[in-house]
C-alpha atoms as a PDB file:
ATOM      1  CA  MET A   1     -35.878 -36.960  46.725  1.00  0.00           C
ATOM      2  CA  ALA A   2     -38.439 -34.695  47.751  1.00  0.00           C
ATOM      3  CA  ILE A   3     -41.933 -34.875  49.229  1.00  0.00           C
ATOM      4  CA  ILE A   4     -44.450 -32.802  47.095  1.00  0.00           C
ATOM      5  CA  PRO A   5     -47.172 -31.495  48.956  1.00  0.00           C
ATOM      6  CA  SER A   6     -49.523 -32.286  46.038  1.00  0.00           C
ATOM      7  CA  GLU A   7     -48.751 -36.019  46.094  1.00  0.00           C
ATOM      8  CA  ILE A   8     -49.543 -36.479  49.472  1.00  0.00           C
ATOM      9  CA  LYS A   9     -52.588 -38.615  50.084  1.00  0.00           C
ATOM     10  CA  LYS A  10     -55.003 -37.443  52.845  1.00  0.00           C
ATOM     11  CA  GLU A  11     -56.856 -40.577  53.813  1.00  0.00           C
ATOM     12  CA  VAL A  12     -58.771 -40.196  56.859  1.00  0.00           C
ATOM     13  CA  ASN A  13     -60.757 -43.044  58.273  1.00  0.00           C
ATOM     14  CA  ILE A  14     -63.569 -41.964  60.161  1.00  0.00           C
ATOM     15  CA  THR A  15     -65.506 -44.793  61.858  1.00  0.00           C
ATOM     16  CA  THR A  16     -68.971 -44.515  63.347  1.00  0.00           C
ATOM     17  CA  PRO A  17     -70.021 -45.727  66.746  1.00  0.00           C
ATOM     18  CA  GLN A  18     -71.774 -48.668  65.173  1.00  0.00           C
ATOM     19  CA  GLN A  19     -68.562 -49.644  63.050  1.00  0.00           C
ATOM     20  CA  GLN A  20     -66.462 -49.629  66.324  1.00  0.00           C
ATOM     21  CA  LYS A  21     -69.152 -51.590  67.997  1.00  0.00           C
ATOM     22  CA  THR A  22     -69.206 -54.013  65.115  1.00  0.00           C
ATOM     23  CA  LYS A  23     -65.454 -54.334  65.241  1.00  0.00           C
ATOM     24  CA  LYS A  24     -65.275 -54.797  68.902  1.00  0.00           C
ATOM     25  CA  MET A  25     -67.836 -57.806  68.705  1.00  0.00           C
ATOM     26  CA  VAL A  26     -65.650 -59.332  65.795  1.00  0.00           C
ATOM     27  CA  TYR A  27     -62.835 -59.216  67.943  1.00  0.00           C
ATOM     28  CA  LEU A  28     -64.484 -60.899  70.878  1.00  0.00           C
ATOM     29  CA  LEU A  29     -65.991 -63.613  68.734  1.00  0.00           C
ATOM     30  CA  VAL A  30     -62.550 -64.458  67.491  1.00  0.00           C
ATOM     31  CA  ALA A  31     -61.377 -64.359  70.917  1.00  0.00           C
ATOM     32  CA  ILE A  32     -64.302 -66.716  72.199  1.00  0.00           C
ATOM     33  CA  VAL A  33     -63.716 -69.053  69.212  1.00  0.00           C
ATOM     34  CA  ALA A  34     -59.931 -69.122  69.802  1.00  0.00           C
ATOM     35  CA  ALA A  35     -60.665 -69.688  73.620  1.00  0.00           C
ATOM     36  CA  ALA A  36     -62.955 -72.538  72.771  1.00  0.00           C
ATOM     37  CA  LEU A  37     -60.396 -74.414  70.457  1.00  0.00           C
ATOM     38  CA  LEU A  38     -57.650 -74.360  73.091  1.00  0.00           C
ATOM     39  CA  ILE A  39     -60.138 -75.674  75.622  1.00  0.00           C
ATOM     40  CA  LEU A  40     -61.216 -78.371  73.175  1.00  0.00           C
ATOM     41  CA  TYR A  41     -57.569 -79.223  72.190  1.00  0.00           C
ATOM     42  CA  PHE A  42     -56.123 -79.407  75.818  1.00  0.00           C
ATOM     43  CA  GLY A  43     -59.138 -80.697  77.462  1.00  0.00           C
ATOM     44  CA  SER A  44     -59.479 -83.773  74.941  1.00  0.00           C
ATOM     45  CA  GLY A  45     -56.002 -84.717  75.498  1.00  0.00           C
ATOM     46  CA  GLY A  46     -54.557 -83.038  72.367  1.00  0.00           C
ATOM     47  CA  SER A  47     -51.883 -85.547  71.675  1.00  0.00           C
ATOM     48  CA  THR A  48     -52.167 -89.275  71.342  1.00  0.00           C
ATOM     49  CA  PRO A  49     -52.219 -91.392  74.471  1.00  0.00           C
ATOM     50  CA  ALA A  50     -48.584 -92.866  75.629  1.00  0.00           C
ATOM     51  CA  GLU A  51     -48.375 -96.467  75.449  1.00  0.00           C
ATOM     52  CA  VAL A  52     -48.837 -98.264  78.522  1.00  0.00           C
ATOM     53  CA  ASN A  53     -45.919-100.208  79.939  1.00  0.00           C
ATOM     54  CA  THR A  54     -46.632-103.295  81.835  1.00  0.00           C
ATOM     55  CA  PRO A  55     -44.020-103.429  84.554  1.00  0.00           C
ATOM     56  CA  THR A  56     -42.293-106.660  84.605  1.00  0.00           C
ATOM     57  CA  VAL A  57     -42.416-108.807  87.746  1.00  0.00           C
ATOM     58  CA  ASN A  58     -39.255-108.907  89.906  1.00  0.00           C
ATOM     59  CA  VAL A  59     -38.866-111.340  92.315  1.00  0.00           C
ATOM     60  CA  GLU A  60     -36.473-109.433  94.597  1.00  0.00           C
ATOM     61  CA  GLN A  61     -38.882-106.379  94.761  1.00  0.00           C
ATOM     62  CA  ILE A  62     -41.804-108.836  95.865  1.00  0.00           C
ATOM     63  CA  ASP A  63     -39.403-110.294  98.518  1.00  0.00           C
ATOM     64  CA  GLN A  64     -38.573-106.734  99.906  1.00  0.00           C
ATOM     65  CA  SER A  65     -42.280-105.881  99.913  1.00  0.00           C
ATOM     66  CA  ALA A  66     -43.076-108.851 102.047  1.00  0.00           C
ATOM     67  CA  LYS A  67     -40.329-108.126 104.680  1.00  0.00           C
ATOM     68  CA  LEU A  68     -41.338-104.611 104.885  1.00  0.00           C
ATOM     69  CA  LEU A  69     -44.887-105.457 105.552  1.00  0.00           C
ATOM     70  CA  GLU A  70     -43.686-108.188 108.114  1.00  0.00           C
ATOM     71  CA  GLU A  71     -41.852-105.354 109.819  1.00  0.00           C
ATOM     72  CA  LEU A  72     -44.722-102.851 109.830  1.00  0.00           C
ATOM     73  CA  SER A  73     -47.065-105.501 111.070  1.00  0.00           C
ATOM     74  CA  LYS A  74     -44.854-105.667 114.186  1.00  0.00           C
ATOM     75  CA  VAL A  75     -45.197-102.011 115.170  1.00  0.00           C
ATOM     76  CA  SER A  76     -47.636-101.279 117.875  1.00  0.00           C
ATOM     77  CA  PHE A  77     -48.989 -97.974 118.603  1.00  0.00           C
ATOM     78  CA  ASP A  78     -48.970 -97.409 122.541  1.00  0.00           C
ATOM     79  CA  ASN A  79     -52.201 -95.011 123.614  1.00  0.00           C
ATOM     80  CA  LEU A  80     -49.556 -93.150 125.932  1.00  0.00           C
ATOM     81  CA  VAL A  81     -51.318 -90.044 124.528  1.00  0.00           C
ATOM     82  CA  LEU A  82     -54.984 -91.173 125.550  1.00  0.00           C
ATOM     83  CA  LYS A  83     -53.930 -92.392 128.985  1.00  0.00           C
ATOM     84  CA  ASP A  84     -51.979 -89.165 129.814  1.00  0.00           C
ATOM     85  CA  LYS A  85     -53.662 -87.342 132.619  1.00  0.00           C
ATOM     86  CA  LYS A  86     -53.689 -84.139 130.942  1.00  0.00           C
ATOM     87  CA  PHE A  87     -55.611 -85.644 128.080  1.00  0.00           C
ATOM     88  CA  GLU A  88     -57.995 -87.273 130.619  1.00  0.00           C
ATOM     89  CA  ALA A  89     -58.542 -83.836 132.265  1.00  0.00           C
ATOM     90  CA  LEU A  90     -60.255 -82.174 129.363  1.00  0.00           C
ATOM     91  CA  VAL A  91     -63.648 -81.304 129.486  1.00  0.00           C
ATOM     92  CA  LEU A  92     -66.177 -81.401 126.932  1.00  0.00           C
ATOM     93  CA  HIS A  93     -68.019 -78.188 126.559  1.00  0.00           C
ATOM     94  CA  GLY A  94     -71.598 -77.923 124.747  1.00  0.00           C
ATOM     95  CA  ASP A  95     -73.925 -80.681 123.784  1.00  0.00           C
ATOM     96  CA  LEU A  96     -73.206 -83.710 121.414  1.00  0.00           C
ATOM     97  CA  PRO A  97     -74.560 -84.347 118.938  1.00  0.00           C
ATOM     98  CA  ILE A  98     -75.771 -80.648 118.067  1.00  0.00           C
ATOM     99  CA  SER A  99     -79.349 -80.005 118.444  1.00  0.00           C
ATOM    100  CA  VAL A 100     -81.159 -78.683 115.114  1.00  0.00           C
ATOM    101  CA  GLY A 101     -82.217 -75.336 116.134  1.00  0.00           C
ATOM    102  CA  ALA A 102     -83.737 -72.400 114.217  1.00  0.00           C
ATOM    103  CA  LYS A 103     -82.297 -71.445 111.207  1.00  0.00           C
ATOM    104  CA  GLY A 104     -81.611 -67.888 109.838  1.00  0.00           C
ATOM    105  CA  ARG A 105     -84.199 -66.138 108.084  1.00  0.00           C
ATOM    106  CA  GLU A 106     -86.207 -67.647 105.078  1.00  0.00           C
ATOM    107  CA  ASN A 107     -85.112 -64.817 102.471  1.00  0.00           C
ATOM    108  CA  PRO A 108     -81.784 -63.430 103.739  1.00  0.00           C
ATOM    109  CA  PHE A 109     -82.141 -60.777 101.276  1.00  0.00           C
ATOM    110  CA  ALA A 110     -85.319 -59.528 102.336  1.00  0.00           C
ATOM    111  CA  PRO A 111     -85.355 -56.098 104.223  1.00  0.00           C
ATOM    112  CA  PHE A 112     -85.799 -56.169 108.049  1.00  0.00           C
END
C-alpha cells in the first residue's frame, strides 16, 4: 500500500494566545475542582464509620491493673540530684522575672 501525496490531509491547528490562555484556565479550573472534591471526600471521612466495639470487662485485667497501681504507689523519687553540691553551685544569671523593656520599632518595614 502506498501513500499518495494528494490524499494526505494537511491540518494545521493554529491557536491564538487567547485560546491558549483559555485552555490553561480550563485545565486550572478542572484541577481546582478535582482537588476540592478530594479534600471534601477525605476530609469528611469518605467512608462509613466503623462500629464501636465496647470492650468486655475482664476481672483478671482489673486485678493486674490494681496490683500495678499498688507497686507504682510504693515508688519514691529521691531528690539526690537536687541535693547534689554541683546542682547547688549553679548560679542564676539575669533578673527573674524578666523585666518588660522597650520593644522593637512600631513599623519594622519602615525605612531607617
